[in-house]
């Protein structure tokens, strides 16, 4: 991982549509069409299917807005609202292990049907949450960003 691999800041919000309107009015953000996906997630206490609804800003630096999902790691961060910093990963298992070796706990992993991780959230006991996203997803995400 390198600082130049950082590609978004994620904010979990209670009302995705209202947050989009507010940030557009305040800062002029334009948004990609919101996506709603059901994705398998591995949490420390087991697997679940998670219904996620989110969007990204059209222009970089990218802001990701995620609709809160109570009872999961996807709840608004107290105080600031900033939930995570997202980084591309060329080797997600190795980068996850590096973060774990530095005390970051694995909170959640998105996996393919064969169990291959494609993204992971790691939380520092004293600092930021980091999302690693497999660079294999970059072409599809860039297509999504360019579709608006």
N, C-alpha and C. Protein backbone atom coordinates (compact mmCIF):
# COMPACT_ATOMS: atom_id res chain seq x y z
N UNK A 1 0.84 -1.18 0.00
CA UNK A 1 0.00 0.00 0.00
C UNK A 1 0.88 1.24 0.00
N UNK A 2 0.40 2.24 -0.72
CA UNK A 2 1.09 3.52 -0.77
C UNK A 2 0.04 4.62 -0.60
N UNK A 3 0.49 5.78 -0.16
CA UNK A 3 -0.43 6.90 -0.02
C UNK A 3 -1.14 7.21 -1.32
N UNK A 4 -0.47 7.00 -2.43
CA UNK A 4 -1.08 7.29 -3.74
C UNK A 4 -2.17 6.28 -4.10
N UNK A 5 -2.29 5.18 -3.34
CA UNK A 5 -3.36 4.21 -3.57
C UNK A 5 -4.68 4.64 -2.93
N UNK A 6 -4.64 5.69 -2.11
CA UNK A 6 -5.87 6.17 -1.46
C UNK A 6 -6.75 6.80 -2.51
N UNK A 7 -8.03 6.37 -2.60
CA UNK A 7 -8.89 6.88 -3.67
C UNK A 7 -10.23 7.41 -3.19
N UNK A 8 -10.59 7.23 -1.92
CA UNK A 8 -11.84 7.81 -1.44
C UNK A 8 -11.86 7.93 0.07
N UNK A 9 -12.77 8.77 0.54
CA UNK A 9 -13.12 8.86 1.95
C UNK A 9 -14.57 8.43 2.05
N UNK A 10 -14.86 7.50 2.93
CA UNK A 10 -16.21 6.98 3.09
C UNK A 10 -16.91 7.61 4.28
N UNK A 11 -18.16 8.01 4.09
CA UNK A 11 -18.97 8.59 5.14
C UNK A 11 -20.26 7.77 5.23
N UNK A 12 -20.56 7.23 6.40
CA UNK A 12 -21.80 6.50 6.61
C UNK A 12 -22.82 7.50 7.15
N UNK A 13 -23.99 7.50 6.53
CA UNK A 13 -25.03 8.48 6.87
C UNK A 13 -26.34 7.77 7.17
N UNK A 14 -27.19 8.43 7.96
CA UNK A 14 -28.49 7.86 8.29
C UNK A 14 -29.47 7.94 7.13
N UNK A 15 -29.31 8.95 6.26
CA UNK A 15 -30.23 9.15 5.14
C UNK A 15 -29.42 9.50 3.90
N UNK A 16 -29.20 8.52 3.04
CA UNK A 16 -28.35 8.71 1.87
C UNK A 16 -28.87 9.83 0.97
N UNK A 17 -30.15 9.83 0.66
CA UNK A 17 -30.70 10.84 -0.25
C UNK A 17 -30.55 12.24 0.32
N UNK A 18 -30.84 12.41 1.61
CA UNK A 18 -30.72 13.72 2.23
C UNK A 18 -29.27 14.19 2.26
N UNK A 19 -28.33 13.27 2.52
CA UNK A 19 -26.91 13.63 2.54
C UNK A 19 -26.44 14.07 1.15
N UNK A 20 -26.91 13.38 0.12
CA UNK A 20 -26.54 13.76 -1.25
C UNK A 20 -27.03 15.19 -1.54
N UNK A 21 -28.27 15.49 -1.19
CA UNK A 21 -28.83 16.82 -1.43
C UNK A 21 -28.03 17.87 -0.65
N UNK A 22 -27.78 17.59 0.63
CA UNK A 22 -27.06 18.55 1.47
C UNK A 22 -25.67 18.85 0.93
N UNK A 23 -24.91 17.81 0.59
CA UNK A 23 -23.53 18.02 0.12
C UNK A 23 -23.50 18.65 -1.27
N UNK A 24 -24.54 18.42 -2.06
CA UNK A 24 -24.63 19.11 -3.36
C UNK A 24 -24.89 20.59 -3.12
N UNK A 25 -25.84 20.90 -2.25
CA UNK A 25 -26.17 22.30 -1.98
C UNK A 25 -25.00 23.05 -1.35
N UNK A 26 -24.29 22.40 -0.42
CA UNK A 26 -23.20 23.06 0.28
C UNK A 26 -21.92 23.16 -0.54
N UNK A 27 -21.56 22.07 -1.23
CA UNK A 27 -20.24 22.00 -1.85
C UNK A 27 -20.27 21.75 -3.35
N UNK A 28 -21.45 21.59 -3.93
CA UNK A 28 -21.55 21.40 -5.36
C UNK A 28 -21.22 20.01 -5.85
N UNK A 29 -21.23 19.01 -4.95
CA UNK A 29 -20.94 17.64 -5.40
C UNK A 29 -21.98 17.17 -6.41
N UNK A 30 -21.51 16.39 -7.38
CA UNK A 30 -22.38 15.63 -8.27
C UNK A 30 -22.15 14.17 -7.91
N UNK A 31 -23.22 13.38 -8.02
CA UNK A 31 -23.16 11.99 -7.55
C UNK A 31 -23.47 11.01 -8.67
N UNK A 32 -22.82 9.87 -8.61
CA UNK A 32 -23.20 8.74 -9.46
C UNK A 32 -24.57 8.26 -8.98
N UNK A 33 -25.28 7.55 -9.83
CA UNK A 33 -26.56 6.98 -9.42
C UNK A 33 -26.31 6.03 -8.24
N UNK A 34 -27.08 6.14 -7.17
CA UNK A 34 -26.88 5.24 -6.03
C UNK A 34 -27.06 3.78 -6.46
N UNK A 35 -26.25 2.93 -5.86
CA UNK A 35 -26.34 1.49 -6.08
C UNK A 35 -26.90 0.82 -4.84
N UNK A 36 -27.70 -0.20 -5.03
CA UNK A 36 -28.20 -1.04 -3.95
C UNK A 36 -27.78 -2.47 -4.28
N UNK A 37 -26.98 -3.05 -3.40
CA UNK A 37 -26.46 -4.40 -3.65
C UNK A 37 -26.63 -5.25 -2.40
N UNK A 38 -26.82 -6.53 -2.63
CA UNK A 38 -26.78 -7.49 -1.54
C UNK A 38 -25.47 -8.23 -1.69
N UNK A 39 -24.63 -8.18 -0.66
CA UNK A 39 -23.30 -8.74 -0.77
C UNK A 39 -22.99 -9.63 0.43
N UNK A 40 -22.34 -10.78 0.19
CA UNK A 40 -21.93 -11.61 1.32
C UNK A 40 -20.78 -10.94 2.05
N UNK A 41 -20.87 -10.92 3.37
CA UNK A 41 -19.86 -10.28 4.21
C UNK A 41 -19.45 -11.25 5.30
N UNK A 42 -18.15 -11.29 5.58
CA UNK A 42 -17.62 -12.09 6.67
C UNK A 42 -17.30 -11.14 7.82
N UNK A 43 -17.99 -11.31 8.94
CA UNK A 43 -17.77 -10.52 10.15
C UNK A 43 -17.09 -11.41 11.18
N UNK A 44 -16.51 -10.83 12.23
CA UNK A 44 -15.84 -11.68 13.23
C UNK A 44 -16.74 -12.75 13.82
N UNK A 45 -18.06 -12.49 13.89
CA UNK A 45 -18.94 -13.49 14.49
C UNK A 45 -19.69 -14.32 13.46
N UNK A 46 -19.29 -14.25 12.18
CA UNK A 46 -19.90 -15.10 11.18
C UNK A 46 -20.22 -14.38 9.89
N UNK A 47 -20.81 -15.12 8.97
CA UNK A 47 -21.15 -14.57 7.66
C UNK A 47 -22.59 -14.08 7.64
N UNK A 48 -22.84 -13.09 6.77
CA UNK A 48 -24.20 -12.61 6.57
C UNK A 48 -24.33 -12.00 5.19
N UNK A 49 -25.55 -11.89 4.70
CA UNK A 49 -25.82 -11.14 3.49
C UNK A 49 -26.19 -9.73 3.92
N UNK A 50 -25.47 -8.76 3.38
CA UNK A 50 -25.65 -7.37 3.77
C UNK A 50 -26.27 -6.60 2.62
N UNK A 51 -27.34 -5.86 2.91
CA UNK A 51 -27.94 -4.97 1.92
C UNK A 51 -27.28 -3.61 2.06
N UNK A 52 -26.49 -3.24 1.06
CA UNK A 52 -25.79 -1.95 1.07
C UNK A 52 -26.38 -1.04 0.01
N UNK A 53 -26.50 0.24 0.36
CA UNK A 53 -26.90 1.27 -0.59
C UNK A 53 -25.87 2.38 -0.47
N UNK A 54 -25.27 2.78 -1.61
CA UNK A 54 -24.18 3.75 -1.56
C UNK A 54 -24.04 4.47 -2.88
N UNK A 55 -23.23 5.52 -2.86
CA UNK A 55 -22.88 6.26 -4.07
C UNK A 55 -21.51 6.87 -3.88
N UNK A 56 -20.93 7.32 -4.99
CA UNK A 56 -19.65 8.04 -4.98
C UNK A 56 -19.83 9.37 -5.68
N UNK A 57 -19.02 10.34 -5.28
CA UNK A 57 -18.99 11.60 -6.01
C UNK A 57 -18.42 11.34 -7.40
N UNK A 58 -18.89 12.11 -8.38
CA UNK A 58 -18.44 11.95 -9.75
C UNK A 58 -16.98 12.35 -9.88
N UNK A 59 -16.59 13.45 -9.25
CA UNK A 59 -15.24 13.99 -9.39
C UNK A 59 -14.34 13.54 -8.24
N UNK A 60 -13.06 13.44 -8.54
CA UNK A 60 -12.06 13.15 -7.52
C UNK A 60 -11.64 14.48 -6.88
N UNK A 61 -11.24 14.48 -5.61
CA UNK A 61 -11.15 13.30 -4.75
C UNK A 61 -12.54 12.78 -4.42
N UNK A 62 -12.68 11.48 -4.45
CA UNK A 62 -13.99 10.86 -4.32
C UNK A 62 -14.46 10.81 -2.86
N UNK A 63 -15.74 11.07 -2.70
CA UNK A 63 -16.42 10.87 -1.43
C UNK A 63 -17.43 9.76 -1.66
N UNK A 64 -17.41 8.76 -0.79
CA UNK A 64 -18.39 7.68 -0.85
C UNK A 64 -19.38 7.91 0.29
N UNK A 65 -20.67 7.89 -0.04
CA UNK A 65 -21.73 7.95 0.96
C UNK A 65 -22.36 6.56 1.04
N UNK A 66 -22.50 6.05 2.27
CA UNK A 66 -23.07 4.73 2.49
C UNK A 66 -24.25 4.87 3.45
N UNK A 67 -25.38 4.28 3.09
CA UNK A 67 -26.55 4.27 3.97
C UNK A 67 -26.24 3.40 5.18
N UNK A 68 -26.52 3.90 6.38
CA UNK A 68 -26.25 3.16 7.61
C UNK A 68 -27.01 1.83 7.63
N UNK A 69 -26.38 0.82 8.22
CA UNK A 69 -26.99 -0.50 8.43
C UNK A 69 -26.82 -0.82 9.91
N UNK A 70 -27.84 -0.53 10.73
CA UNK A 70 -27.72 -0.76 12.18
C UNK A 70 -27.31 -2.19 12.51
N UNK A 71 -26.51 -2.31 13.56
CA UNK A 71 -26.07 -3.62 14.02
C UNK A 71 -24.88 -4.18 13.26
N UNK A 72 -24.28 -3.36 12.39
CA UNK A 72 -23.10 -3.77 11.62
C UNK A 72 -22.02 -2.70 11.79
N UNK A 73 -20.83 -2.90 11.22
CA UNK A 73 -19.84 -1.83 11.25
C UNK A 73 -20.26 -0.58 10.46
N UNK A 74 -21.33 -0.67 9.65
CA UNK A 74 -21.76 0.45 8.82
C UNK A 74 -22.77 1.32 9.58
N UNK A 75 -22.26 2.02 10.58
CA UNK A 75 -23.02 3.01 11.34
C UNK A 75 -22.22 4.31 11.32
N UNK A 76 -22.90 5.46 11.42
CA UNK A 76 -22.16 6.72 11.38
C UNK A 76 -21.09 6.80 12.47
N UNK A 77 -19.93 7.33 12.09
CA UNK A 77 -18.83 7.52 13.04
C UNK A 77 -19.17 8.68 13.97
N UNK A 78 -19.08 8.48 15.27
CA UNK A 78 -19.40 9.56 16.20
C UNK A 78 -18.50 10.78 15.99
N UNK A 79 -19.11 11.93 16.02
CA UNK A 79 -18.33 13.16 15.98
C UNK A 79 -18.07 13.72 14.61
N UNK A 80 -17.49 12.93 13.71
CA UNK A 80 -17.09 13.50 12.42
C UNK A 80 -17.88 12.97 11.25
N UNK A 81 -18.41 11.78 11.36
CA UNK A 81 -19.09 11.16 10.24
C UNK A 81 -18.17 10.41 9.30
N UNK A 82 -16.88 10.72 9.31
CA UNK A 82 -15.96 10.01 8.42
C UNK A 82 -15.80 8.59 8.93
N UNK A 83 -16.10 7.66 8.07
CA UNK A 83 -16.14 6.24 8.43
C UNK A 83 -14.83 5.53 8.09
N UNK A 84 -14.25 5.82 6.91
CA UNK A 84 -13.04 5.10 6.50
C UNK A 84 -12.31 5.83 5.38
N UNK A 85 -11.05 5.46 5.21
CA UNK A 85 -10.26 5.87 4.05
C UNK A 85 -10.06 4.62 3.21
N UNK A 86 -10.34 4.72 1.91
CA UNK A 86 -10.26 3.56 1.03
C UNK A 86 -9.00 3.56 0.18
N UNK A 87 -8.33 2.41 0.13
CA UNK A 87 -7.09 2.24 -0.63
C UNK A 87 -7.21 1.07 -1.59
N UNK A 88 -6.68 1.24 -2.79
CA UNK A 88 -6.54 0.11 -3.71
C UNK A 88 -5.50 -0.84 -3.15
N UNK A 89 -5.70 -2.13 -3.37
CA UNK A 89 -4.74 -3.14 -2.94
C UNK A 89 -4.45 -4.08 -4.09
N UNK A 90 -3.16 -4.27 -4.37
CA UNK A 90 -2.74 -5.23 -5.38
C UNK A 90 -2.64 -6.64 -4.82
N UNK A 91 -2.57 -6.76 -3.50
CA UNK A 91 -2.49 -8.06 -2.83
C UNK A 91 -3.25 -7.94 -1.52
N UNK A 92 -4.55 -8.12 -1.59
CA UNK A 92 -5.40 -7.88 -0.43
C UNK A 92 -5.02 -8.75 0.77
N UNK A 93 -4.78 -10.05 0.63
CA UNK A 93 -4.39 -10.83 1.81
C UNK A 93 -3.10 -10.31 2.47
N UNK A 94 -2.10 -9.96 1.67
CA UNK A 94 -0.84 -9.46 2.22
C UNK A 94 -1.03 -8.10 2.88
N UNK A 95 -1.79 -7.21 2.24
CA UNK A 95 -2.01 -5.89 2.83
C UNK A 95 -2.84 -6.00 4.10
N UNK A 96 -3.83 -6.90 4.12
CA UNK A 96 -4.60 -7.13 5.34
C UNK A 96 -3.70 -7.64 6.46
N UNK A 97 -2.82 -8.57 6.14
CA UNK A 97 -1.89 -9.11 7.14
C UNK A 97 -0.98 -8.01 7.68
N UNK A 98 -0.52 -7.11 6.82
CA UNK A 98 0.34 -6.00 7.26
C UNK A 98 -0.42 -5.12 8.25
N UNK A 99 -1.66 -4.79 7.93
CA UNK A 99 -2.45 -3.98 8.86
C UNK A 99 -2.67 -4.72 10.18
N UNK A 100 -2.99 -6.02 10.10
CA UNK A 100 -3.20 -6.81 11.32
C UNK A 100 -1.94 -6.84 12.17
N UNK A 101 -0.77 -6.94 11.52
CA UNK A 101 0.49 -6.95 12.26
C UNK A 101 0.76 -5.62 12.96
N UNK A 102 0.10 -4.56 12.51
CA UNK A 102 0.23 -3.25 13.14
C UNK A 102 -0.94 -2.96 14.08
N UNK A 103 -1.69 -3.99 14.44
CA UNK A 103 -2.74 -3.84 15.44
C UNK A 103 -4.12 -3.52 14.91
N UNK A 104 -4.28 -3.46 13.59
CA UNK A 104 -5.60 -3.20 13.01
C UNK A 104 -6.42 -4.49 13.03
N UNK A 105 -7.63 -4.42 13.56
CA UNK A 105 -8.50 -5.59 13.61
C UNK A 105 -9.32 -5.68 12.34
N UNK A 106 -9.49 -6.88 11.83
CA UNK A 106 -10.34 -7.08 10.66
C UNK A 106 -11.79 -7.04 11.13
N UNK A 107 -12.55 -6.06 10.62
CA UNK A 107 -13.95 -5.91 10.99
C UNK A 107 -14.89 -6.65 10.04
N UNK A 108 -14.55 -6.65 8.75
CA UNK A 108 -15.43 -7.25 7.76
C UNK A 108 -14.65 -7.49 6.48
N UNK A 109 -15.07 -8.52 5.75
CA UNK A 109 -14.48 -8.81 4.44
C UNK A 109 -15.60 -9.13 3.47
N UNK A 110 -15.49 -8.58 2.27
CA UNK A 110 -16.36 -8.98 1.18
C UNK A 110 -15.65 -10.07 0.40
N UNK A 111 -16.35 -11.13 0.09
CA UNK A 111 -15.71 -12.27 -0.57
C UNK A 111 -16.50 -12.69 -1.80
N UNK A 112 -15.77 -13.25 -2.74
CA UNK A 112 -16.39 -13.87 -3.91
C UNK A 112 -16.95 -15.23 -3.50
N UNK A 113 -17.77 -15.85 -4.34
CA UNK A 113 -18.32 -17.17 -4.00
C UNK A 113 -17.26 -18.22 -3.65
N UNK A 114 -16.05 -18.07 -4.23
CA UNK A 114 -14.99 -19.04 -3.91
C UNK A 114 -14.22 -18.69 -2.63
N UNK A 115 -14.64 -17.60 -1.94
CA UNK A 115 -14.00 -17.21 -0.69
C UNK A 115 -12.88 -16.20 -0.85
N UNK A 116 -12.54 -15.84 -2.08
CA UNK A 116 -11.48 -14.86 -2.32
C UNK A 116 -11.94 -13.48 -1.84
N UNK A 117 -11.16 -12.84 -0.94
CA UNK A 117 -11.56 -11.51 -0.49
C UNK A 117 -11.39 -10.47 -1.60
N UNK A 118 -12.38 -9.56 -1.70
CA UNK A 118 -12.29 -8.49 -2.70
C UNK A 118 -12.26 -7.11 -2.05
N UNK A 119 -12.61 -7.04 -0.79
CA UNK A 119 -12.43 -5.82 0.00
C UNK A 119 -12.42 -6.22 1.46
N UNK A 120 -11.86 -5.34 2.30
CA UNK A 120 -11.81 -5.62 3.74
C UNK A 120 -11.75 -4.30 4.51
N UNK A 121 -12.42 -4.29 5.66
CA UNK A 121 -12.35 -3.16 6.58
C UNK A 121 -11.46 -3.56 7.75
N UNK A 122 -10.55 -2.66 8.11
CA UNK A 122 -9.65 -2.87 9.26
C UNK A 122 -9.75 -1.64 10.16
N UNK A 123 -9.83 -1.88 11.45
CA UNK A 123 -9.97 -0.77 12.40
C UNK A 123 -8.80 -0.75 13.36
N UNK A 124 -8.19 0.41 13.46
CA UNK A 124 -7.11 0.62 14.40
C UNK A 124 -7.71 0.85 15.78
N UNK A 125 -7.06 0.35 16.83
CA UNK A 125 -7.59 0.61 18.17
C UNK A 125 -7.52 2.10 18.54
N UNK A 126 -6.68 2.87 17.86
CA UNK A 126 -6.51 4.27 18.23
C UNK A 126 -6.64 5.24 17.07
N UNK A 127 -7.09 4.77 15.92
CA UNK A 127 -7.11 5.67 14.78
C UNK A 127 -8.13 5.30 13.74
N UNK A 128 -7.78 5.51 12.50
CA UNK A 128 -8.77 5.39 11.42
C UNK A 128 -9.11 3.96 11.04
N UNK A 129 -10.26 3.83 10.42
CA UNK A 129 -10.66 2.58 9.78
C UNK A 129 -10.14 2.65 8.35
N UNK A 130 -9.58 1.56 7.87
CA UNK A 130 -9.04 1.49 6.51
C UNK A 130 -9.83 0.45 5.73
N UNK A 131 -10.26 0.83 4.52
CA UNK A 131 -10.88 -0.14 3.62
C UNK A 131 -9.87 -0.45 2.53
N UNK A 132 -9.57 -1.72 2.36
CA UNK A 132 -8.75 -2.17 1.24
C UNK A 132 -9.69 -2.69 0.17
N UNK A 133 -9.46 -2.29 -1.08
CA UNK A 133 -10.30 -2.72 -2.20
C UNK A 133 -9.37 -3.33 -3.25
N UNK A 134 -9.67 -4.55 -3.65
CA UNK A 134 -8.86 -5.21 -4.67
C UNK A 134 -8.81 -4.36 -5.94
N UNK A 135 -7.61 -4.16 -6.43
CA UNK A 135 -7.45 -3.38 -7.66
C UNK A 135 -8.18 -4.05 -8.83
N UNK A 136 -8.51 -5.33 -8.72
CA UNK A 136 -9.29 -6.01 -9.76
C UNK A 136 -10.66 -5.36 -9.94
N UNK A 137 -11.16 -4.66 -8.91
CA UNK A 137 -12.45 -3.99 -9.00
C UNK A 137 -12.34 -2.59 -9.62
N UNK A 138 -11.14 -2.09 -9.79
CA UNK A 138 -10.96 -0.72 -10.27
C UNK A 138 -11.60 -0.44 -11.62
N UNK A 139 -11.44 -1.30 -12.64
CA UNK A 139 -12.08 -0.99 -13.93
C UNK A 139 -13.60 -0.85 -13.84
N UNK A 140 -14.24 -1.73 -13.10
CA UNK A 140 -15.70 -1.64 -12.95
C UNK A 140 -16.11 -0.39 -12.19
N UNK A 141 -15.33 -0.02 -11.16
CA UNK A 141 -15.66 1.18 -10.40
C UNK A 141 -15.46 2.43 -11.25
N UNK A 142 -14.39 2.43 -12.05
CA UNK A 142 -14.16 3.59 -12.93
C UNK A 142 -15.27 3.70 -13.97
N UNK A 143 -15.78 2.58 -14.44
CA UNK A 143 -16.91 2.61 -15.37
C UNK A 143 -18.14 3.19 -14.68
N UNK A 144 -18.39 2.79 -13.44
CA UNK A 144 -19.51 3.31 -12.67
C UNK A 144 -19.35 4.82 -12.47
N UNK A 145 -18.16 5.27 -12.08
CA UNK A 145 -17.94 6.70 -11.86
C UNK A 145 -18.16 7.50 -13.13
N UNK A 146 -17.79 6.93 -14.26
CA UNK A 146 -17.92 7.64 -15.53
C UNK A 146 -19.32 7.59 -16.14
N UNK A 147 -20.23 6.84 -15.51
CA UNK A 147 -21.55 6.66 -16.08
C UNK A 147 -22.52 7.80 -15.80
N UNK A 148 -22.11 8.71 -14.93
CA UNK A 148 -23.03 9.80 -14.55
C UNK A 148 -22.85 11.03 -15.40
